[in-house]
C-alpha cells in the first residue's frame, strides 16, 4: 500500500460466508452502500464499476479486482472522478477487505491506501466505518 492508510473494522454476528455474500451481491451492496449499482464478475483482473447519485450528482467510480478469496479476502482498486483528479494510476486507491472469524461471527476490516493527508485518512475512515455499520445492519437483519 502507498500513502496514508485509512482503516475501518467491525464485528458482525454472522458467518464469513454470509458477510462475503453481502460484499459481493450487487443487490445487497445497494442496500448498504448509498444505493450504488455495482457491476463486475469478481474475478481477478476484471473491471468493477460503482454508479449512482451522490449529493444530487450522478457518478461512476471504477477500478479493477486484484484478488478474491471467498470468505477471506477481497482486494480491488478504486478511482472516483468526483475527486477531480486525473484518471492516472497514482490517483487510485487500493481497497482491502479482510474477513476472519469463527462460531458464526466475522471480523471485517477494510483498508484504503493512497490518502494524501491526515484529513483524507479521517474522512475515508469515517466513510468506510459508516458503510461497514450499514453492512452489519443489513447482514444481521436477515433471518438465519
C-alpha atoms as a PDB file:
ATOM      1  CA  UNK A   1       0.000   0.000   0.000  1.00  0.00           C
ATOM      2  CA  UNK A   2       1.099   3.540  -0.629  1.00  0.00           C
ATOM      3  CA  UNK A   3       0.475   6.843   1.050  1.00  0.00           C
ATOM      4  CA  UNK A   4      -1.514   7.138   4.227  1.00  0.00           C
ATOM      5  CA  UNK A   5      -3.883   4.266   5.038  1.00  0.00           C
ATOM      6  CA  UNK A   6      -7.417   4.560   6.412  1.00  0.00           C
ATOM      7  CA  UNK A   7      -8.800   1.527   8.236  1.00  0.00           C
ATOM      8  CA  UNK A   8     -12.292   0.660   9.457  1.00  0.00           C
ATOM      9  CA  UNK A   9     -13.286  -2.519  11.314  1.00  0.00           C
ATOM     10  CA  UNK A  10     -16.420  -4.176  12.613  1.00  0.00           C
ATOM     11  CA  UNK A  11     -17.620  -7.425  14.177  1.00  0.00           C
ATOM     12  CA  UNK A  12     -20.694  -8.986  12.588  1.00  0.00           C
ATOM     13  CA  UNK A  13     -22.891 -11.685  14.136  1.00  0.00           C
ATOM     14  CA  UNK A  14     -22.901 -13.847  11.006  1.00  0.00           C
ATOM     15  CA  UNK A  15     -20.583 -16.397   9.412  1.00  0.00           C
ATOM     16  CA  UNK A  16     -17.983 -15.262   6.874  1.00  0.00           C
ATOM     17  CA  UNK A  17     -19.996 -16.899   4.069  1.00  0.00           C
ATOM     18  CA  UNK A  18     -22.931 -14.574   4.793  1.00  0.00           C
ATOM     19  CA  UNK A  19     -20.712 -11.488   5.053  1.00  0.00           C
ATOM     20  CA  UNK A  20     -18.935 -12.437   1.814  1.00  0.00           C
ATOM     21  CA  UNK A  21     -22.264 -12.798   0.056  1.00  0.00           C
ATOM     22  CA  UNK A  22     -23.237  -9.292   1.210  1.00  0.00           C
ATOM     23  CA  UNK A  23     -19.900  -7.903  -0.027  1.00  0.00           C
ATOM     24  CA  UNK A  24     -20.284  -9.401  -3.491  1.00  0.00           C
ATOM     25  CA  UNK A  25     -24.017  -9.427  -4.291  1.00  0.00           C
ATOM     26  CA  UNK A  26     -24.947  -6.251  -6.200  1.00  0.00           C
ATOM     27  CA  UNK A  27     -28.488  -6.233  -4.771  1.00  0.00           C
ATOM     28  CA  UNK A  28     -27.183  -6.460  -1.193  1.00  0.00           C
ATOM     29  CA  UNK A  29     -24.485  -3.820  -1.860  1.00  0.00           C
ATOM     30  CA  UNK A  30     -27.202  -1.415  -2.994  1.00  0.00           C
ATOM     31  CA  UNK A  31     -28.854  -1.790   0.444  1.00  0.00           C
ATOM     32  CA  UNK A  32     -25.859  -0.567   2.471  1.00  0.00           C
ATOM     33  CA  UNK A  33     -23.695   1.407   0.043  1.00  0.00           C
ATOM     34  CA  UNK A  34     -25.672   4.546  -0.812  1.00  0.00           C
ATOM     35  CA  UNK A  35     -27.806   2.736  -3.391  1.00  0.00           C
ATOM     36  CA  UNK A  36     -24.776   2.160  -5.637  1.00  0.00           C
ATOM     37  CA  UNK A  37     -25.129  -0.142  -8.619  1.00  0.00           C
ATOM     38  CA  UNK A  38     -22.044  -2.395  -8.794  1.00  0.00           C
ATOM     39  CA  UNK A  39     -21.032  -4.253 -11.923  1.00  0.00           C
ATOM     40  CA  UNK A  40     -18.251  -6.872 -12.003  1.00  0.00           C
ATOM     41  CA  UNK A  41     -17.749 -10.632 -12.144  1.00  0.00           C
ATOM     42  CA  UNK A  42     -15.418 -10.553  -9.073  1.00  0.00           C
ATOM     43  CA  UNK A  43     -12.615 -12.287 -10.996  1.00  0.00           C
ATOM     44  CA  UNK A  44      -9.023 -11.010 -10.627  1.00  0.00           C
ATOM     45  CA  UNK A  45      -8.209  -8.654 -13.493  1.00  0.00           C
ATOM     46  CA  UNK A  46     -11.862  -7.817 -14.165  1.00  0.00           C
ATOM     47  CA  UNK A  47     -13.177  -4.263 -14.091  1.00  0.00           C
ATOM     48  CA  UNK A  48     -15.559  -3.059 -11.396  1.00  0.00           C
ATOM     49  CA  UNK A  49     -17.808  -0.010 -11.540  1.00  0.00           C
ATOM     50  CA  UNK A  50     -19.990   1.691  -8.940  1.00  0.00           C
ATOM     51  CA  UNK A  51     -22.635   4.081 -10.223  1.00  0.00           C
ATOM     52  CA  UNK A  52     -25.380   6.094  -8.679  1.00  0.00           C
ATOM     53  CA  UNK A  53     -26.078   9.542  -7.325  1.00  0.00           C
ATOM     54  CA  UNK A  54     -24.210  11.305  -4.527  1.00  0.00           C
ATOM     55  CA  UNK A  55     -25.211  14.735  -3.193  1.00  0.00           C
ATOM     56  CA  UNK A  56     -27.545  15.131  -6.158  1.00  0.00           C
ATOM     57  CA  UNK A  57     -24.857  14.393  -8.765  1.00  0.00           C
ATOM     58  CA  UNK A  58     -24.588  11.234 -10.865  1.00  0.00           C
ATOM     59  CA  UNK A  59     -21.268   9.406 -10.617  1.00  0.00           C
ATOM     60  CA  UNK A  60     -19.470   6.341 -11.909  1.00  0.00           C
ATOM     61  CA  UNK A  61     -16.425   5.168  -9.984  1.00  0.00           C
ATOM     62  CA  UNK A  62     -14.237   2.416 -11.351  1.00  0.00           C
ATOM     63  CA  UNK A  63     -11.456   0.015 -10.541  1.00  0.00           C
ATOM     64  CA  UNK A  64     -10.111  -3.485 -11.029  1.00  0.00           C
ATOM     65  CA  UNK A  65     -10.478  -6.659  -8.984  1.00  0.00           C
ATOM     66  CA  UNK A  66      -6.973  -7.612  -7.781  1.00  0.00           C
ATOM     67  CA  UNK A  67      -7.682 -10.654  -5.601  1.00  0.00           C
ATOM     68  CA  UNK A  68     -10.783 -12.515  -4.468  1.00  0.00           C
ATOM     69  CA  UNK A  69     -10.534 -15.338  -1.934  1.00  0.00           C
ATOM     70  CA  UNK A  70     -14.138 -16.125  -0.997  1.00  0.00           C
ATOM     71  CA  UNK A  71     -14.941 -15.644   2.685  1.00  0.00           C
ATOM     72  CA  UNK A  72     -11.377 -14.400   3.394  1.00  0.00           C
ATOM     73  CA  UNK A  73     -10.010 -11.573   1.238  1.00  0.00           C
ATOM     74  CA  UNK A  74     -11.109  -9.092  -1.411  1.00  0.00           C
ATOM     75  CA  UNK A  75      -8.654  -6.604  -2.904  1.00  0.00           C
ATOM     76  CA  UNK A  76      -9.579  -4.064  -5.570  1.00  0.00           C
ATOM     77  CA  UNK A  77      -8.575  -0.677  -6.885  1.00  0.00           C
ATOM     78  CA  UNK A  78     -10.884   2.330  -6.808  1.00  0.00           C
ATOM     79  CA  UNK A  79     -10.944   5.663  -8.625  1.00  0.00           C
ATOM     80  CA  UNK A  80     -13.578   8.365  -8.379  1.00  0.00           C
ATOM     81  CA  UNK A  81     -13.776  11.123 -10.995  1.00  0.00           C
ATOM     82  CA  UNK A  82     -15.589  13.163  -8.326  1.00  0.00           C
ATOM     83  CA  UNK A  83     -12.195  13.859  -6.734  1.00  0.00           C
ATOM     84  CA  UNK A  84     -11.439  15.971  -9.816  1.00  0.00           C
ATOM     85  CA  UNK A  85      -8.034  14.302 -10.086  1.00  0.00           C
ATOM     86  CA  UNK A  86      -6.883  12.911 -13.423  1.00  0.00           C
ATOM     87  CA  UNK A  87      -7.540   9.233 -14.141  1.00  0.00           C
ATOM     88  CA  UNK A  88      -3.956   8.109 -13.572  1.00  0.00           C
ATOM     89  CA  UNK A  89      -2.682   5.049 -11.670  1.00  0.00           C
ATOM     90  CA  UNK A  90      -1.247   7.223  -8.893  1.00  0.00           C
ATOM     91  CA  UNK A  91      -4.753   8.546  -8.140  1.00  0.00           C
ATOM     92  CA  UNK A  92      -6.281   5.113  -7.467  1.00  0.00           C
ATOM     93  CA  UNK A  93      -6.809   3.657  -4.007  1.00  0.00           C
ATOM     94  CA  UNK A  94      -6.338   0.001  -3.146  1.00  0.00           C
ATOM     95  CA  UNK A  95      -9.199  -1.306  -1.037  1.00  0.00           C
ATOM     96  CA  UNK A  96      -8.529  -4.431   1.036  1.00  0.00           C
ATOM     97  CA  UNK A  97     -11.343  -6.285   2.786  1.00  0.00           C
ATOM     98  CA  UNK A  98     -10.234  -8.991   5.257  1.00  0.00           C
ATOM     99  CA  UNK A  99     -12.668 -11.419   6.852  1.00  0.00           C
ATOM    100  CA  UNK A 100     -11.840 -13.595   9.856  1.00  0.00           C
ATOM    101  CA  UNK A 101     -13.949 -15.392  12.371  1.00  0.00           C
ATOM    102  CA  UNK A 102     -15.476 -18.468  13.874  1.00  0.00           C
ATOM    103  CA  UNK A 103     -18.558 -19.576  15.797  1.00  0.00           C
ATOM    104  CA  UNK A 104     -20.820 -17.737  13.381  1.00  0.00           C
ATOM    105  CA  UNK A 105     -19.141 -14.342  13.923  1.00  0.00           C
ATOM    106  CA  UNK A 106     -16.984 -12.416  11.452  1.00  0.00           C
ATOM    107  CA  UNK A 107     -14.463  -9.650  11.976  1.00  0.00           C
ATOM    108  CA  UNK A 108     -14.335  -7.480   8.856  1.00  0.00           C
ATOM    109  CA  UNK A 109     -11.605  -4.924   8.274  1.00  0.00           C
ATOM    110  CA  UNK A 110     -11.379  -2.541   5.350  1.00  0.00           C
ATOM    111  CA  UNK A 111      -8.303  -0.505   4.494  1.00  0.00           C
ATOM    112  CA  UNK A 112      -7.854   2.156   1.826  1.00  0.00           C
ATOM    113  CA  UNK A 113      -4.376   3.283   0.860  1.00  0.00           C
ATOM    114  CA  UNK A 114      -3.089   6.289  -1.053  1.00  0.00           C
ATOM    115  CA  UNK A 115      -4.718   9.000   1.049  1.00  0.00           C
ATOM    116  CA  UNK A 116      -2.934  12.321   0.618  1.00  0.00           C
ATOM    117  CA  UNK A 117      -3.300  13.793   4.111  1.00  0.00           C
ATOM    118  CA  UNK A 118      -4.385  13.027   7.649  1.00  0.00           C
ATOM    119  CA  UNK A 119      -7.690  14.774   6.883  1.00  0.00           C
ATOM    120  CA  UNK A 120      -8.243  12.436   3.909  1.00  0.00           C
ATOM    121  CA  UNK A 121      -7.444   9.447   6.140  1.00  0.00           C
ATOM    122  CA  UNK A 122     -10.046  10.536   8.694  1.00  0.00           C
ATOM    123  CA  UNK A 123     -12.666  11.274   6.010  1.00  0.00           C
ATOM    124  CA  UNK A 124     -12.081   7.859   4.388  1.00  0.00           C
ATOM    125  CA  UNK A 125     -12.053   6.052   7.749  1.00  0.00           C
ATOM    126  CA  UNK A 126     -15.346   7.682   8.722  1.00  0.00           C
ATOM    127  CA  UNK A 127     -16.952   6.940   5.343  1.00  0.00           C
ATOM    128  CA  UNK A 128     -15.903   3.277   5.445  1.00  0.00           C
ATOM    129  CA  UNK A 129     -16.869   2.851   9.106  1.00  0.00           C
ATOM    130  CA  UNK A 130     -20.363   4.124   8.297  1.00  0.00           C
ATOM    131  CA  UNK A 131     -20.562   1.741   5.330  1.00  0.00           C
ATOM    132  CA  UNK A 132     -19.443  -1.225   7.476  1.00  0.00           C
ATOM    133  CA  UNK A 133     -22.043  -0.367  10.124  1.00  0.00           C
ATOM    134  CA  UNK A 134     -24.729  -0.259   7.432  1.00  0.00           C
ATOM    135  CA  UNK A 135     -23.488  -3.620   6.075  1.00  0.00           C
ATOM    136  CA  UNK A 136     -23.642  -5.078   9.588  1.00  0.00           C
ATOM    137  CA  UNK A 137     -27.237  -3.870   9.910  1.00  0.00           C
ATOM    138  CA  UNK A 138     -28.214  -5.463   6.604  1.00  0.00           C
ATOM    139  CA  UNK A 139     -26.468  -8.770   7.356  1.00  0.00           C
ATOM    140  CA  UNK A 140     -27.702  -9.098  10.935  1.00  0.00           C
ATOM    141  CA  UNK A 141     -31.293  -8.225   9.992  1.00  0.00           C
ATOM    142  CA  UNK A 142     -31.553 -11.245   7.679  1.00  0.00           C
ATOM    143  CA  UNK A 143     -33.063 -14.311   9.397  1.00  0.00           C
ATOM    144  CA  UNK A 144     -30.685 -17.273   9.552  1.00  0.00           C
END
